[in-house]
Amino acid sequence: MNSVTPDLHWTAYLTALLTPLVAIVAAYVAFVNARTAKNKLKLDLFDKRIKVFATIRDLIRGMIHQR
């Protein structure tokens, strides 16, 4: 019996490695995108929270100065 192994061209190796590489890059982009969205949410909520903080601070100052 003569076992014949076909010679694999370099494109076969490239094709085999390209799919996992694309998946890894896509996962990294998704991770960075999620982290950016989380940070943006924190910054967006900061503007609202600082307004509430300032309002409550002014309210407490007014209550203290009325005495």
PDB file of N, CA and C in Angstrom:
ATOM      1  N   MET A   1       0.830  -1.176   0.000  1.00  0.00           N
ATOM      2  CA  MET A   1       0.000   0.000   0.000  1.00  0.00           C
ATOM      3  C   MET A   1       0.878   1.244   0.000  1.00  0.00           C
ATOM      4  N   ASN A   2       0.533   2.085  -0.848  1.00  0.00           N
ATOM      5  CA  ASN A   2       1.261   3.335  -0.972  1.00  0.00           C
ATOM      6  C   ASN A   2       0.366   4.458  -0.450  1.00  0.00           C
ATOM      7  N   SER A   3       0.769   5.048   0.670  1.00  0.00           N
ATOM      8  CA  SER A   3      -0.032   6.152   1.194  1.00  0.00           C
ATOM      9  C   SER A   3       0.475   7.446   0.596  1.00  0.00           C
ATOM     10  N   VAL A   4      -0.418   8.147  -0.006  1.00  0.00           N
ATOM     11  CA  VAL A   4      -0.070   9.400  -0.667  1.00  0.00           C
ATOM     12  C   VAL A   4      -0.647  10.529   0.161  1.00  0.00           C
ATOM     13  N   THR A   5       0.223  11.416   0.579  1.00  0.00           N
ATOM     14  CA  THR A   5      -0.234  12.595   1.315  1.00  0.00           C
ATOM     15  C   THR A   5      -0.159  13.785   0.376  1.00  0.00           C
ATOM     16  N   PRO A   6      -1.228  14.481   0.258  1.00  0.00           N
ATOM     17  CA  PRO A   6      -1.200  15.634  -0.652  1.00  0.00           C
ATOM     18  C   PRO A   6      -0.361  16.755  -0.044  1.00  0.00           C
ATOM     19  N   ASP A   7       0.339  17.429  -0.907  1.00  0.00           N
ATOM     20  CA  ASP A   7       1.115  18.588  -0.453  1.00  0.00           C
ATOM     21  C   ASP A   7       0.152  19.741  -0.213  1.00  0.00           C
ATOM     22  N   LEU A   8       0.191  20.242   1.006  1.00  0.00           N
ATOM     23  CA  LEU A   8      -0.691  21.362   1.335  1.00  0.00           C
ATOM     24  C   LEU A   8      -0.020  22.654   0.928  1.00  0.00           C
ATOM     25  N   HIS A   9      -0.764  23.448   0.252  1.00  0.00           N
ATOM     26  CA  HIS A   9      -0.272  24.747  -0.193  1.00  0.00           C
ATOM     27  C   HIS A   9      -0.325  25.719   0.982  1.00  0.00           C
ATOM     28  N   TRP A  10       0.473  26.759   0.946  1.00  0.00           N
ATOM     29  CA  TRP A  10       0.507  27.717   2.046  1.00  0.00           C
ATOM     30  C   TRP A  10      -0.843  28.393   2.248  1.00  0.00           C
ATOM     31  N   THR A  11      -1.658  28.463   1.215  1.00  0.00           N
ATOM     32  CA  THR A  11      -2.967  29.080   1.357  1.00  0.00           C
ATOM     33  C   THR A  11      -3.892  28.241   2.231  1.00  0.00           C
ATOM     34  N   ALA A  12      -3.677  26.946   2.256  1.00  0.00           N
ATOM     35  CA  ALA A  12      -4.481  26.088   3.125  1.00  0.00           C
ATOM     36  C   ALA A  12      -4.183  26.399   4.590  1.00  0.00           C
ATOM     37  N   TYR A  13      -2.916  26.589   4.898  1.00  0.00           N
ATOM     38  CA  TYR A  13      -2.551  26.958   6.270  1.00  0.00           C
ATOM     39  C   TYR A  13      -3.093  28.336   6.619  1.00  0.00           C
ATOM     40  N   LEU A  14      -2.977  29.256   5.681  1.00  0.00           N
ATOM     41  CA  LEU A  14      -3.471  30.609   5.916  1.00  0.00           C
ATOM     42  C   LEU A  14      -4.972  30.607   6.142  1.00  0.00           C
ATOM     43  N   THR A  15      -5.689  29.853   5.357  1.00  0.00           N
ATOM     44  CA  THR A  15      -7.140  29.768   5.516  1.00  0.00           C
ATOM     45  C   THR A  15      -7.511  29.167   6.867  1.00  0.00           C
ATOM     46  N   ALA A  16      -6.771  28.161   7.284  1.00  0.00           N
ATOM     47  CA  ALA A  16      -7.057  27.513   8.562  1.00  0.00           C
ATOM     48  C   ALA A  16      -6.780  28.445   9.744  1.00  0.00           C
ATOM     49  N   LEU A  17      -5.776  29.281   9.628  1.00  0.00           N
ATOM     50  CA  LEU A  17      -5.424  30.177  10.728  1.00  0.00           C
ATOM     51  C   LEU A  17      -6.205  31.483  10.700  1.00  0.00           C
ATOM     52  N   LEU A  18      -6.722  31.837   9.554  1.00  0.00           N
ATOM     53  CA  LEU A  18      -7.408  33.115   9.421  1.00  0.00           C
ATOM     54  C   LEU A  18      -8.737  33.147  10.178  1.00  0.00           C
ATOM     55  N   THR A  19      -9.465  32.055  10.180  1.00  0.00           N
ATOM     56  CA  THR A  19     -10.762  32.028  10.851  1.00  0.00           C
ATOM     57  C   THR A  19     -10.634  32.273  12.357  1.00  0.00           C
ATOM     58  N   PRO A  20      -9.754  31.550  13.069  1.00  0.00           N
ATOM     59  CA  PRO A  20      -9.609  31.859  14.499  1.00  0.00           C
ATOM     60  C   PRO A  20      -9.067  33.264  14.752  1.00  0.00           C
ATOM     61  N   LEU A  21      -8.199  33.736  13.864  1.00  0.00           N
ATOM     62  CA  LEU A  21      -7.655  35.084  14.020  1.00  0.00           C
ATOM     63  C   LEU A  21      -8.762  36.134  13.908  1.00  0.00           C
ATOM     64  N   VAL A  22      -9.644  35.974  12.948  1.00  0.00           N
ATOM     65  CA  VAL A  22     -10.768  36.903  12.791  1.00  0.00           C
ATOM     66  C   VAL A  22     -11.674  36.840  14.016  1.00  0.00           C
ATOM     67  N   ALA A  23     -11.894  35.649  14.548  1.00  0.00           N
ATOM     68  CA  ALA A  23     -12.734  35.506  15.742  1.00  0.00           C
ATOM     69  C   ALA A  23     -12.098  36.198  16.943  1.00  0.00           C
ATOM     70  N   ILE A  24     -10.802  36.074  17.096  1.00  0.00           N
ATOM     71  CA  ILE A  24     -10.100  36.721  18.214  1.00  0.00           C
ATOM     72  C   ILE A  24     -10.178  38.243  18.082  1.00  0.00           C
ATOM     73  N   VAL A  25      -9.965  38.751  16.888  1.00  0.00           N
ATOM     74  CA  VAL A  25     -10.045  40.203  16.666  1.00  0.00           C
ATOM     75  C   VAL A  25     -11.464  40.703  16.930  1.00  0.00           C
ATOM     76  N   ALA A  26     -12.461  39.961  16.481  1.00  0.00           N
ATOM     77  CA  ALA A  26     -13.855  40.359  16.712  1.00  0.00           C
ATOM     78  C   ALA A  26     -14.180  40.353  18.205  1.00  0.00           C
ATOM     79  N   ALA A  27     -13.684  39.365  18.935  1.00  0.00           N
ATOM     80  CA  ALA A  27     -13.918  39.312  20.380  1.00  0.00           C
ATOM     81  C   ALA A  27     -13.244  40.489  21.078  1.00  0.00           C
ATOM     82  N   TYR A  28     -12.050  40.850  20.642  1.00  0.00           N
ATOM     83  CA  TYR A  28     -11.340  41.988  21.238  1.00  0.00           C
ATOM     84  C   TYR A  28     -12.098  43.291  20.967  1.00  0.00           C
ATOM     85  N   VAL A  29     -12.567  43.468  19.751  1.00  0.00           N
ATOM     86  CA  VAL A  29     -13.329  44.678  19.405  1.00  0.00           C
ATOM     87  C   VAL A  29     -14.604  44.752  20.240  1.00  0.00           C
ATOM     88  N   ALA A  30     -15.270  43.613  20.408  1.00  0.00           N
ATOM     89  CA  ALA A  30     -16.489  43.595  21.225  1.00  0.00           C
ATOM     90  C   ALA A  30     -16.179  43.947  22.676  1.00  0.00           C
ATOM     91  N   PHE A  31     -15.072  43.436  23.207  1.00  0.00           N
ATOM     92  CA  PHE A  31     -14.673  43.739  24.582  1.00  0.00           C
ATOM     93  C   PHE A  31     -14.394  45.229  24.752  1.00  0.00           C
ATOM     94  N   VAL A  32     -13.645  45.799  23.836  1.00  0.00           N
ATOM     95  CA  VAL A  32     -13.318  47.227  23.921  1.00  0.00           C
ATOM     96  C   VAL A  32     -14.580  48.069  23.767  1.00  0.00           C
ATOM     97  N   ASN A  33     -15.469  47.663  22.881  1.00  0.00           N
ATOM     98  CA  ASN A  33     -16.724  48.385  22.684  1.00  0.00           C
ATOM     99  C   ASN A  33     -17.580  48.350  23.950  1.00  0.00           C
ATOM    100  N   ALA A  34     -17.640  47.190  24.603  1.00  0.00           N
ATOM    101  CA  ALA A  34     -18.420  47.079  25.840  1.00  0.00           C
ATOM    102  C   ALA A  34     -17.830  47.951  26.938  1.00  0.00           C
ATOM    103  N   ARG A  35     -16.502  47.965  27.034  1.00  0.00           N
ATOM    104  CA  ARG A  35     -15.844  48.787  28.051  1.00  0.00           C
ATOM    105  C   ARG A  35     -16.082  50.272  27.787  1.00  0.00           C
ATOM    106  N   THR A  36     -16.039  50.677  26.532  1.00  0.00           N
ATOM    107  CA  THR A  36     -16.293  52.068  26.171  1.00  0.00           C
ATOM    108  C   THR A  36     -17.732  52.460  26.489  1.00  0.00           C
ATOM    109  N   ALA A  37     -18.673  51.573  26.193  1.00  0.00           N
ATOM    110  CA  ALA A  37     -20.085  51.856  26.489  1.00  0.00           C
ATOM    111  C   ALA A  37     -20.302  51.983  27.993  1.00  0.00           C
ATOM    112  N   LYS A  38     -19.639  51.149  28.771  1.00  0.00           N
ATOM    113  CA  LYS A  38     -19.767  51.222  30.227  1.00  0.00           C
ATOM    114  C   LYS A  38     -19.231  52.554  30.758  1.00  0.00           C
ATOM    115  N   ASN A  39     -18.082  52.971  30.238  1.00  0.00           N
ATOM    116  CA  ASN A  39     -17.510  54.252  30.665  1.00  0.00           C
ATOM    117  C   ASN A  39     -18.380  55.428  30.228  1.00  0.00           C
ATOM    118  N   LYS A  40     -18.957  55.346  29.033  1.00  0.00           N
ATOM    119  CA  LYS A  40     -19.838  56.413  28.558  1.00  0.00           C
ATOM    120  C   LYS A  40     -21.078  56.522  29.438  1.00  0.00           C
ATOM    121  N   LEU A  41     -21.617  55.390  29.844  1.00  0.00           N
ATOM    122  CA  LEU A  41     -22.777  55.400  30.728  1.00  0.00           C
ATOM    123  C   LEU A  41     -22.442  56.082  32.053  1.00  0.00           C
ATOM    124  N   LYS A  42     -21.272  55.770  32.598  1.00  0.00           N
ATOM    125  CA  LYS A  42     -20.851  56.417  33.850  1.00  0.00           C
ATOM    126  C   LYS A  42     -20.746  57.931  33.671  1.00  0.00           C
ATOM    127  N   LEU A  43     -20.162  58.363  32.559  1.00  0.00           N
ATOM    128  CA  LEU A  43     -20.024  59.800  32.327  1.00  0.00           C
ATOM    129  C   LEU A  43     -21.371  60.470  32.102  1.00  0.00           C
ATOM    130  N   ASP A  44     -22.269  59.798  31.390  1.00  0.00           N
ATOM    131  CA  ASP A  44     -23.600  60.371  31.163  1.00  0.00           C
ATOM    132  C   ASP A  44     -24.376  60.503  32.474  1.00  0.00           C
ATOM    133  N   LEU A  45     -24.247  59.512  33.344  1.00  0.00           N
ATOM    134  CA  LEU A  45     -24.939  59.582  34.633  1.00  0.00           C
ATOM    135  C   LEU A  45     -24.309  60.615  35.553  1.00  0.00           C
ATOM    136  N   PHE A  46     -23.016  60.891  35.379  1.00  0.00           N
ATOM    137  CA  PHE A  46     -22.341  61.870  36.228  1.00  0.00           C
ATOM    138  C   PHE A  46     -22.988  63.235  36.095  1.00  0.00           C
ATOM    139  N   ASP A  47     -23.313  63.651  34.872  1.00  0.00           N
ATOM    140  CA  ASP A  47     -23.933  64.965  34.663  1.00  0.00           C
ATOM    141  C   ASP A  47     -25.257  65.077  35.413  1.00  0.00           C
ATOM    142  N   LYS A  48     -26.035  64.016  35.379  1.00  0.00           N
ATOM    143  CA  LYS A  48     -27.323  64.033  36.079  1.00  0.00           C
ATOM    144  C   LYS A  48     -27.114  64.014  37.591  1.00  0.00           C
ATOM    145  N   ARG A  49     -26.173  63.221  38.038  1.00  0.00           N
ATOM    146  CA  ARG A  49     -25.930  63.108  39.484  1.00  0.00           C
ATOM    147  C   ARG A  49     -25.364  64.393  40.063  1.00  0.00           C
ATOM    148  N   ILE A  50     -24.505  65.082  39.318  1.00  0.00           N
ATOM    149  CA  ILE A  50     -23.916  66.316  39.842  1.00  0.00           C
ATOM    150  C   ILE A  50     -24.979  67.399  39.986  1.00  0.00           C
ATOM    151  N   LYS A  51     -25.985  67.401  39.106  1.00  0.00           N
ATOM    152  CA  LYS A  51     -27.077  68.365  39.236  1.00  0.00           C
ATOM    153  C   LYS A  51     -27.896  68.080  40.489  1.00  0.00           C
ATOM    154  N   VAL A  52     -28.176  66.810  40.751  1.00  0.00           N
ATOM    155  CA  VAL A  52     -28.918  66.434  41.957  1.00  0.00           C
ATOM    156  C   VAL A  52     -28.098  66.781  43.193  1.00  0.00           C
ATOM    157  N   PHE A  53     -26.810  66.490  43.158  1.00  0.00           N
ATOM    158  CA  PHE A  53     -25.934  66.799  44.284  1.00  0.00           C
ATOM    159  C   PHE A  53     -25.930  68.302  44.560  1.00  0.00           C
ATOM    160  N   ALA A  54     -25.810  69.105  43.525  1.00  0.00           N
ATOM    161  CA  ALA A  54     -25.772  70.555  43.701  1.00  0.00           C
ATOM    162  C   ALA A  54     -27.100  71.066  44.259  1.00  0.00           C
ATOM    163  N   THR A  55     -28.198  70.523  43.800  1.00  0.00           N
ATOM    164  CA  THR A  55     -29.518  70.938  44.288  1.00  0.00           C
ATOM    165  C   THR A  55     -29.674  70.609  45.767  1.00  0.00           C
ATOM    166  N   ILE A  56     -29.298  69.396  46.155  1.00  0.00           N
ATOM    167  CA  ILE A  56     -29.399  68.994  47.559  1.00  0.00           C
ATOM    168  C   ILE A  56     -28.448  69.813  48.423  1.00  0.00           C
ATOM    169  N   ARG A  57     -27.241  70.080  47.921  1.00  0.00           N
ATOM    170  CA  ARG A  57     -26.274  70.896  48.660  1.00  0.00           C
ATOM    171  C   ARG A  57     -26.837  72.293  48.904  1.00  0.00           C
ATOM    172  N   ASP A  58     -27.422  72.883  47.874  1.00  0.00           N
ATOM    173  CA  ASP A  58     -28.001  74.225  48.024  1.00  0.00           C
ATOM    174  C   ASP A  58     -29.179  74.206  48.984  1.00  0.00           C
ATOM    175  N   LEU A  59     -29.972  73.148  48.952  1.00  0.00           N
ATOM    176  CA  LEU A  59     -31.108  73.007  49.861  1.00  0.00           C
ATOM    177  C   LEU A  59     -30.627  72.925  51.313  1.00  0.00           C
ATOM    178  N   ILE A  60     -29.612  72.137  51.549  1.00  0.00           N
ATOM    179  CA  ILE A  60     -29.077  72.005  52.914  1.00  0.00           C
ATOM    180  C   ILE A  60     -28.448  73.316  53.373  1.00  0.00           C
ATOM    181  N   ARG A  61     -27.727  73.992  52.485  1.00  0.00           N
ATOM    182  CA  ARG A  61     -27.147  75.295  52.847  1.00  0.00           C
ATOM    183  C   ARG A  61     -28.247  76.283  53.216  1.00  0.00           C
ATOM    184  N   GLY A  62     -29.333  76.274  52.450  1.00  0.00           N
ATOM    185  CA  GLY A  62     -30.450  77.190  52.752  1.00  0.00           C
ATOM    186  C   GLY A  62     -31.084  76.870  54.084  1.00  0.00           C
ATOM    187  N   MET A  63     -31.188  75.585  54.417  1.00  0.00           N
ATOM    188  CA  MET A  63     -31.771  75.201  55.701  1.00  0.00           C
ATOM    189  C   MET A  63     -30.856  75.598  56.855  1.00  0.00           C
ATOM    190  N   ILE A  64     -29.560  75.488  56.655  1.00  0.00           N
ATOM    191  CA  ILE A  64     -28.620  75.857  57.722  1.00  0.00           C
ATOM    192  C   ILE A  64     -28.603  77.359  57.932  1.00  0.00           C
ATOM    193  N   HIS A  65     -28.646  78.138  56.869  1.00  0.00           N
ATOM    194  CA  HIS A  65     -28.582  79.588  56.985  1.00  0.00           C
ATOM    195  C   HIS A  65     -29.878  80.207  57.491  1.00  0.00           C
ATOM    196  N   GLN A  66     -30.976  79.492  57.479  1.00  0.00           N
ATOM    197  CA  GLN A  66     -32.241  80.016  57.983  1.00  0.00           C
ATOM    198  C   GLN A  66     -32.270  80.045  59.509  1.00  0.00           C
ATOM    199  N   ARG A  67     -31.471  79.272  60.139  1.00  0.00           N
ATOM    200  CA  ARG A  67     -31.503  79.202  61.605  1.00  0.00           C
ATOM    201  C   ARG A  67     -31.068  80.464  62.241  1.00  0.00           C
TER     202      ARG A  67
END
